[in-house]
Amino acid sequence: MDKMILGMLMLSRLTLYEMKAIIKRNFWAICSDSTGSIQAALKKLLAAGMVDFVEYVEKSVNKKRFSITQTGREAFMAWLQTPIDLDASNMELGKLLFMGFVPVGQRIALIDAVIVKAEQEYAAHIELQSQVNEISMDAAYAETTAYWESDTEYRDGVRAATQNDDDIINIDGIAYFQEAALQYGIDYMKFDIEWFKKLKKDIESGGI
């Protein structure tokens, strides 16, 4: 949240409620627009000397208009000029939102770093999937049921959760969705790679 606020203040001075409206309209997929979250982030930024404010009265209401300080600009640009970490929180996508602040010559390098890391992780997950596919389900059944026989409390916990006393069906169901989650991750990483490669091509062709 603090980086989103710094990014907004890079463009203009804003009140808390103006920030709230911008977040709700533009950044809803990245961070919360709750007043409490914004106030907490502003308090943190004020304590760090990254933002400042002036108080004024408008229609008999006391208001504060916030602005970014040089310390805040330096901190924001330092954060912005590190490659996006796709494994981290959605907040990292804020770097993409504000990449227009990054000098033109640095933009491709940041995007290349994202692509390289994503391709490495994609390859690692493909290897993991191949290892999973080589596992014999008969062996998995035998290993899991043997464990549950030795620890009936856990077996009974699984049966209670699934509302099914058939251990083989339970193992099948658990394994199915674990594999589905792995496939989702692989497909998601493939999308990220292709998307950022297209972004790089568009930037290069457009001279942005």
C-alpha atoms as a PDB file:
ATOM      1  CA  MET A   1       0.000   0.000   0.000  1.00  0.00           C
ATOM      2  CA  ASP A   2       2.778   2.482   0.872  1.00  0.00           C
ATOM      3  CA  LYS A   3       4.332   2.089  -2.595  1.00  0.00           C
ATOM      4  CA  MET A   4       0.958   2.684  -4.267  1.00  0.00           C
ATOM      5  CA  ILE A   5       0.563   5.890  -2.288  1.00  0.00           C
ATOM      6  CA  LEU A   6       4.056   7.062  -3.208  1.00  0.00           C
ATOM      7  CA  GLY A   7       3.294   6.306  -6.860  1.00  0.00           C
ATOM      8  CA  MET A   8       0.109   8.354  -6.773  1.00  0.00           C
ATOM      9  CA  LEU A   9       1.899  11.221  -5.037  1.00  0.00           C
ATOM     10  CA  MET A  10       4.592  11.195  -7.722  1.00  0.00           C
ATOM     11  CA  LEU A  11       1.931  12.677 -10.004  1.00  0.00           C
ATOM     12  CA  SER A  12       0.114  15.161  -7.790  1.00  0.00           C
ATOM     13  CA  ARG A  13      -0.745  16.247  -4.250  1.00  0.00           C
ATOM     14  CA  LEU A  14      -3.742  14.315  -2.910  1.00  0.00           C
ATOM     15  CA  THR A  15      -6.070  14.069   0.060  1.00  0.00           C
ATOM     16  CA  LEU A  16      -6.757  10.728   1.680  1.00  0.00           C
ATOM     17  CA  TYR A  17     -10.175  10.541   0.044  1.00  0.00           C
ATOM     18  CA  GLU A  18      -8.742  11.366  -3.374  1.00  0.00           C
ATOM     19  CA  MET A  19      -6.289   8.485  -2.891  1.00  0.00           C
ATOM     20  CA  LYS A  20      -9.152   6.220  -1.884  1.00  0.00           C
ATOM     21  CA  ALA A  21     -11.071   7.110  -5.063  1.00  0.00           C
ATOM     22  CA  ILE A  22      -8.021   6.473  -7.294  1.00  0.00           C
ATOM     23  CA  ILE A  23      -7.326   3.105  -5.682  1.00  0.00           C
ATOM     24  CA  LYS A  24     -10.961   2.061  -5.979  1.00  0.00           C
ATOM     25  CA  ARG A  25     -11.060   3.060  -9.636  1.00  0.00           C
ATOM     26  CA  ASN A  26      -7.643   1.913 -10.846  1.00  0.00           C
ATOM     27  CA  PHE A  27      -5.857  -0.320  -8.336  1.00  0.00           C
ATOM     28  CA  TRP A  28      -8.678  -2.485  -6.967  1.00  0.00           C
ATOM     29  CA  ALA A  29      -6.952  -5.713  -8.069  1.00  0.00           C
ATOM     30  CA  ILE A  30      -3.740  -4.789  -6.259  1.00  0.00           C
ATOM     31  CA  CYS A  31      -4.655  -3.311  -2.910  1.00  0.00           C
ATOM     32  CA  SER A  32      -7.533  -2.427  -0.622  1.00  0.00           C
ATOM     33  CA  ASP A  33      -9.178   0.983  -0.773  1.00  0.00           C
ATOM     34  CA  SER A  34     -10.190   0.854   2.885  1.00  0.00           C
ATOM     35  CA  THR A  35      -9.686   4.111   4.749  1.00  0.00           C
ATOM     36  CA  GLY A  36      -7.944   2.275   7.583  1.00  0.00           C
ATOM     37  CA  SER A  37      -5.361   0.699   5.245  1.00  0.00           C
ATOM     38  CA  ILE A  38      -4.608   4.043   3.603  1.00  0.00           C
ATOM     39  CA  GLN A  39      -4.312   5.821   6.974  1.00  0.00           C
ATOM     40  CA  ALA A  40      -1.940   3.136   8.282  1.00  0.00           C
ATOM     41  CA  ALA A  41       0.267   3.430   5.193  1.00  0.00           C
ATOM     42  CA  LEU A  42       0.306   7.241   5.416  1.00  0.00           C
ATOM     43  CA  LYS A  43       1.285   7.064   9.089  1.00  0.00           C
ATOM     44  CA  LYS A  44       4.190   4.790   8.172  1.00  0.00           C
ATOM     45  CA  LEU A  45       5.290   7.058   5.318  1.00  0.00           C
ATOM     46  CA  LEU A  46       5.051  10.189   7.473  1.00  0.00           C
ATOM     47  CA  ALA A  47       7.181   8.578  10.173  1.00  0.00           C
ATOM     48  CA  ALA A  48       9.791   7.683   7.541  1.00  0.00           C
ATOM     49  CA  GLY A  49       9.811  11.222   6.159  1.00  0.00           C
ATOM     50  CA  MET A  50       8.638  10.046   2.746  1.00  0.00           C
ATOM     51  CA  VAL A  51       5.492  12.161   2.622  1.00  0.00           C
ATOM     52  CA  ASP A  52       4.409  15.477   4.033  1.00  0.00           C
ATOM     53  CA  PHE A  53       1.107  17.340   4.232  1.00  0.00           C
ATOM     54  CA  VAL A  54      -0.478  20.733   4.593  1.00  0.00           C
ATOM     55  CA  GLU A  55      -3.717  21.306   6.465  1.00  0.00           C
ATOM     56  CA  TYR A  56      -6.475  23.501   5.124  1.00  0.00           C
ATOM     57  CA  VAL A  57     -10.185  24.146   5.601  1.00  0.00           C
ATOM     58  CA  GLU A  58     -12.718  23.504   2.861  1.00  0.00           C
ATOM     59  CA  LYS A  59     -16.418  24.140   3.463  1.00  0.00           C
ATOM     60  CA  SER A  60     -15.775  24.242   7.213  1.00  0.00           C
ATOM     61  CA  VAL A  61     -14.055  20.825   7.085  1.00  0.00           C
ATOM     62  CA  ASN A  62     -10.416  20.375   8.124  1.00  0.00           C
ATOM     63  CA  LYS A  63      -8.480  18.480   5.452  1.00  0.00           C
ATOM     64  CA  LYS A  64      -4.929  17.345   4.755  1.00  0.00           C
ATOM     65  CA  ARG A  65      -3.309  17.353   1.325  1.00  0.00           C
ATOM     66  CA  PHE A  66      -0.342  15.010   1.083  1.00  0.00           C
ATOM     67  CA  SER A  67       2.768  15.342  -1.071  1.00  0.00           C
ATOM     68  CA  ILE A  68       5.844  13.198  -1.657  1.00  0.00           C
ATOM     69  CA  THR A  69       9.241  14.284  -0.315  1.00  0.00           C
ATOM     70  CA  GLN A  70      12.626  13.792  -1.969  1.00  0.00           C
ATOM     71  CA  THR A  71      13.212  10.872   0.424  1.00  0.00           C
ATOM     72  CA  GLY A  72       9.944   9.382  -0.761  1.00  0.00           C
ATOM     73  CA  ARG A  73      10.871   9.845  -4.425  1.00  0.00           C
ATOM     74  CA  GLU A  74      14.208   8.135  -3.915  1.00  0.00           C
ATOM     75  CA  ALA A  75      12.634   5.212  -2.034  1.00  0.00           C
ATOM     76  CA  PHE A  76       9.900   4.810  -4.645  1.00  0.00           C
ATOM     77  CA  MET A  77      12.351   4.824  -7.568  1.00  0.00           C
ATOM     78  CA  ALA A  78      14.631   2.332  -5.801  1.00  0.00           C
ATOM     79  CA  TRP A  79      11.663  -0.037  -5.390  1.00  0.00           C
ATOM     80  CA  LEU A  80      10.423   0.572  -8.918  1.00  0.00           C
ATOM     81  CA  GLN A  81      13.789  -0.220 -10.475  1.00  0.00           C
ATOM     82  CA  THR A  82      13.971  -3.748  -9.057  1.00  0.00           C
ATOM     83  CA  PRO A  83      12.461  -6.492 -11.268  1.00  0.00           C
ATOM     84  CA  ILE A  84       8.850  -7.499 -10.624  1.00  0.00           C
ATOM     85  CA  ASP A  85       8.638 -10.600  -8.419  1.00  0.00           C
ATOM     86  CA  LEU A  86       5.716 -12.588  -9.804  1.00  0.00           C
ATOM     87  CA  ASP A  87       5.877 -14.952  -6.811  1.00  0.00           C
ATOM     88  CA  ALA A  88       5.214 -12.153  -4.365  1.00  0.00           C
ATOM     89  CA  SER A  89       2.018 -10.289  -3.572  1.00  0.00           C
ATOM     90  CA  ASN A  90      -0.134  -8.478  -6.116  1.00  0.00           C
ATOM     91  CA  MET A  91       1.491  -5.298  -4.839  1.00  0.00           C
ATOM     92  CA  GLU A  92       4.508  -6.139  -7.003  1.00  0.00           C
ATOM     93  CA  LEU A  93       2.352  -5.453 -10.057  1.00  0.00           C
ATOM     94  CA  GLY A  94       2.391  -1.847  -8.931  1.00  0.00           C
ATOM     95  CA  LYS A  95       5.816  -1.717 -10.541  1.00  0.00           C
ATOM     96  CA  LEU A  96       4.149  -2.374 -13.869  1.00  0.00           C
ATOM     97  CA  LEU A  97       1.597   0.371 -13.230  1.00  0.00           C
ATOM     98  CA  PHE A  98       4.293   2.923 -12.561  1.00  0.00           C
ATOM     99  CA  MET A  99       7.001   1.734 -14.968  1.00  0.00           C
ATOM    100  CA  GLY A 100       6.514   4.895 -16.983  1.00  0.00           C
ATOM    101  CA  PHE A 101       8.592   6.656 -14.298  1.00  0.00           C
ATOM    102  CA  VAL A 102      11.574   4.380 -15.039  1.00  0.00           C
ATOM    103  CA  PRO A 103      14.147   5.784 -17.501  1.00  0.00           C
ATOM    104  CA  VAL A 104      13.512   4.400 -20.998  1.00  0.00           C
ATOM    105  CA  GLY A 105      16.878   2.634 -21.154  1.00  0.00           C
ATOM    106  CA  GLN A 106      16.150   0.578 -18.037  1.00  0.00           C
ATOM    107  CA  ARG A 107      12.676  -0.716 -18.894  1.00  0.00           C
ATOM    108  CA  ILE A 108      13.717  -3.604 -21.151  1.00  0.00           C
ATOM    109  CA  ALA A 109      16.309  -4.822 -18.640  1.00  0.00           C
ATOM    110  CA  LEU A 110      13.655  -4.984 -15.897  1.00  0.00           C
ATOM    111  CA  ILE A 111      11.276  -6.905 -18.150  1.00  0.00           C
ATOM    112  CA  ASP A 112      14.054  -9.278 -19.267  1.00  0.00           C
ATOM    113  CA  ALA A 113      14.756 -10.084 -15.622  1.00  0.00           C
ATOM    114  CA  VAL A 114      11.106 -11.007 -15.095  1.00  0.00           C
ATOM    115  CA  ILE A 115      11.112 -13.248 -18.183  1.00  0.00           C
ATOM    116  CA  VAL A 116      14.328 -15.047 -17.223  1.00  0.00           C
ATOM    117  CA  LYS A 117      13.112 -15.814 -13.701  1.00  0.00           C
ATOM    118  CA  ALA A 118       9.682 -16.923 -14.953  1.00  0.00           C
ATOM    119  CA  GLU A 119      11.265 -19.257 -17.536  1.00  0.00           C
ATOM    120  CA  GLN A 120      13.489 -20.813 -14.858  1.00  0.00           C
ATOM    121  CA  GLU A 121      10.535 -21.446 -12.570  1.00  0.00           C
ATOM    122  CA  TYR A 122       8.461 -22.757 -15.476  1.00  0.00           C
ATOM    123  CA  ALA A 123      11.178 -25.281 -16.338  1.00  0.00           C
ATOM    124  CA  ALA A 124      11.427 -26.368 -12.688  1.00  0.00           C
ATOM    125  CA  HIS A 125       7.673 -26.941 -12.478  1.00  0.00           C
ATOM    126  CA  ILE A 126       7.640 -28.905 -15.743  1.00  0.00           C
ATOM    127  CA  GLU A 127      10.332 -31.142 -14.258  1.00  0.00           C
ATOM    128  CA  LEU A 128       8.292 -31.522 -11.068  1.00  0.00           C
ATOM    129  CA  GLN A 129       5.235 -32.459 -13.117  1.00  0.00           C
ATOM    130  CA  SER A 130       7.199 -35.138 -14.977  1.00  0.00           C
ATOM    131  CA  GLN A 131       8.329 -36.588 -11.645  1.00  0.00           C
ATOM    132  CA  VAL A 132       4.744 -36.602 -10.376  1.00  0.00           C
ATOM    133  CA  ASN A 133       3.571 -38.356 -13.541  1.00  0.00           C
ATOM    134  CA  GLU A 134       6.164 -41.089 -12.997  1.00  0.00           C
ATOM    135  CA  ILE A 135       4.800 -41.916  -9.549  1.00  0.00           C
ATOM    136  CA  SER A 136       2.836 -45.153  -9.561  1.00  0.00           C
ATOM    137  CA  MET A 137      -0.657 -44.650  -8.166  1.00  0.00           C
ATOM    138  CA  ASP A 138      -0.563 -48.213  -6.819  1.00  0.00           C
ATOM    139  CA  ALA A 139       2.540 -47.298  -4.831  1.00  0.00           C
ATOM    140  CA  ALA A 140       0.895 -44.077  -3.664  1.00  0.00           C
ATOM    141  CA  TYR A 141      -2.202 -45.972  -2.515  1.00  0.00           C
ATOM    142  CA  ALA A 142      -0.058 -48.500  -0.656  1.00  0.00           C
ATOM    143  CA  GLU A 143       2.115 -45.892   1.035  1.00  0.00           C
ATOM    144  CA  THR A 144      -0.765 -43.660   2.091  1.00  0.00           C
ATOM    145  CA  THR A 145      -3.074 -46.405   3.318  1.00  0.00           C
ATOM    146  CA  ALA A 146      -0.188 -47.973   5.259  1.00  0.00           C
ATOM    147  CA  TYR A 147       0.463 -44.633   6.941  1.00  0.00           C
ATOM    148  CA  TRP A 148      -3.194 -44.175   7.770  1.00  0.00           C
ATOM    149  CA  GLU A 149      -3.315 -47.658   9.266  1.00  0.00           C
ATOM    150  CA  SER A 150      -0.497 -46.635  11.591  1.00  0.00           C
ATOM    151  CA  ASP A 151      -2.119 -43.306  12.405  1.00  0.00           C
ATOM    152  CA  THR A 152      -5.856 -43.861  12.421  1.00  0.00           C
ATOM    153  CA  GLU A 153      -6.512 -40.440  13.912  1.00  0.00           C
ATOM    154  CA  TYR A 154      -5.321 -38.843  10.657  1.00  0.00           C
ATOM    155  CA  ARG A 155      -7.174 -41.389   8.541  1.00  0.00           C
ATOM    156  CA  ASP A 156     -10.375 -40.689  10.438  1.00  0.00           C
ATOM    157  CA  GLY A 157      -9.766 -36.958  10.091  1.00  0.00           C
ATOM    158  CA  VAL A 158      -9.588 -37.319   6.300  1.00  0.00           C
ATOM    159  CA  ARG A 159     -12.700 -39.462   6.261  1.00  0.00           C
ATOM    160  CA  ALA A 160     -14.554 -36.896   8.341  1.00  0.00           C
ATOM    161  CA  ALA A 161     -13.434 -34.045   6.089  1.00  0.00           C
ATOM    162  CA  THR A 162     -14.425 -35.795   2.855  1.00  0.00           C
ATOM    163  CA  GLN A 163     -17.460 -37.477   4.446  1.00  0.00           C
ATOM    164  CA  ASN A 164     -16.283 -40.667   2.763  1.00  0.00           C
ATOM    165  CA  ASP A 165     -14.866 -43.832   4.352  1.00  0.00           C
ATOM    166  CA  ASP A 166     -13.388 -45.168   1.103  1.00  0.00           C
ATOM    167  CA  ASP A 167      -9.668 -44.385   1.447  1.00  0.00           C
ATOM    168  CA  ILE A 168      -8.877 -45.078  -2.229  1.00  0.00           C
ATOM    169  CA  ILE A 169     -11.502 -42.599  -3.401  1.00  0.00           C
ATOM    170  CA  ASN A 170     -10.186 -40.075  -0.895  1.00  0.00           C
ATOM    171  CA  ILE A 171      -6.608 -40.515  -2.144  1.00  0.00           C
ATOM    172  CA  ASP A 172      -7.802 -40.158  -5.755  1.00  0.00           C
ATOM    173  CA  GLY A 173      -9.632 -36.931  -4.973  1.00  0.00           C
ATOM    174  CA  ILE A 174      -6.745 -35.391  -3.046  1.00  0.00           C
ATOM    175  CA  ALA A 175      -4.217 -36.332  -5.739  1.00  0.00           C
ATOM    176  CA  TYR A 176      -6.446 -35.039  -8.541  1.00  0.00           C
ATOM    177  CA  PHE A 177      -6.692 -31.536  -7.141  1.00  0.00           C
ATOM    178  CA  GLN A 178      -3.030 -31.416  -6.155  1.00  0.00           C
ATOM    179  CA  GLU A 179      -2.141 -32.190  -9.770  1.00  0.00           C
ATOM    180  CA  ALA A 180      -4.710 -29.660 -10.977  1.00  0.00           C
ATOM    181  CA  ALA A 181      -3.102 -26.989  -8.782  1.00  0.00           C
ATOM    182  CA  LEU A 182       0.315 -27.833 -10.220  1.00  0.00           C
ATOM    183  CA  GLN A 183      -1.074 -27.585 -13.760  1.00  0.00           C
ATOM    184  CA  TYR A 184      -2.689 -24.256 -12.940  1.00  0.00           C
ATOM    185  CA  GLY A 185       0.662 -22.935 -11.749  1.00  0.00           C
ATOM    186  CA  ILE A 186       2.363 -24.116 -14.938  1.00  0.00           C
ATOM    187  CA  ASP A 187      -0.299 -22.579 -17.167  1.00  0.00           C
ATOM    188  CA  TYR A 188      -0.151 -19.331 -15.195  1.00  0.00           C
ATOM    189  CA  MET A 189       3.630 -19.128 -15.541  1.00  0.00           C
ATOM    190  CA  LYS A 190       3.371 -19.816 -19.281  1.00  0.00           C
ATOM    191  CA  PHE A 191       0.880 -16.964 -19.588  1.00  0.00           C
ATOM    192  CA  ASP A 192       3.221 -14.640 -17.657  1.00  0.00           C
ATOM    193  CA  ILE A 193       6.158 -15.494 -19.918  1.00  0.00           C
ATOM    194  CA  GLU A 194       4.198 -14.943 -23.112  1.00  0.00           C
ATOM    195  CA  TRP A 195       2.613 -11.736 -21.787  1.00  0.00           C
ATOM    196  CA  PHE A 196       5.905 -10.135 -20.761  1.00  0.00           C
ATOM    197  CA  LYS A 197       7.571 -11.185 -24.017  1.00  0.00           C
ATOM    198  CA  LYS A 198       4.774  -9.439 -25.898  1.00  0.00           C
ATOM    199  CA  LEU A 199       5.166  -6.375 -23.677  1.00  0.00           C
ATOM    200  CA  LYS A 200       8.887  -6.300 -24.427  1.00  0.00           C
ATOM    201  CA  LYS A 201       8.221  -6.570 -28.175  1.00  0.00           C
ATOM    202  CA  ASP A 202       5.637  -3.785 -28.015  1.00  0.00           C
ATOM    203  CA  ILE A 203       8.014  -1.518 -26.104  1.00  0.00           C
ATOM    204  CA  GLU A 204      10.856  -2.177 -28.526  1.00  0.00           C
ATOM    205  CA  SER A 205       8.705  -1.625 -31.602  1.00  0.00           C
ATOM    206  CA  GLY A 206       7.051   1.475 -30.157  1.00  0.00           C
ATOM    207  CA  GLY A 207      10.221   3.056 -28.787  1.00  0.00           C
ATOM    208  CA  ILE A 208       8.597   3.573 -25.391  1.00  0.00           C
END
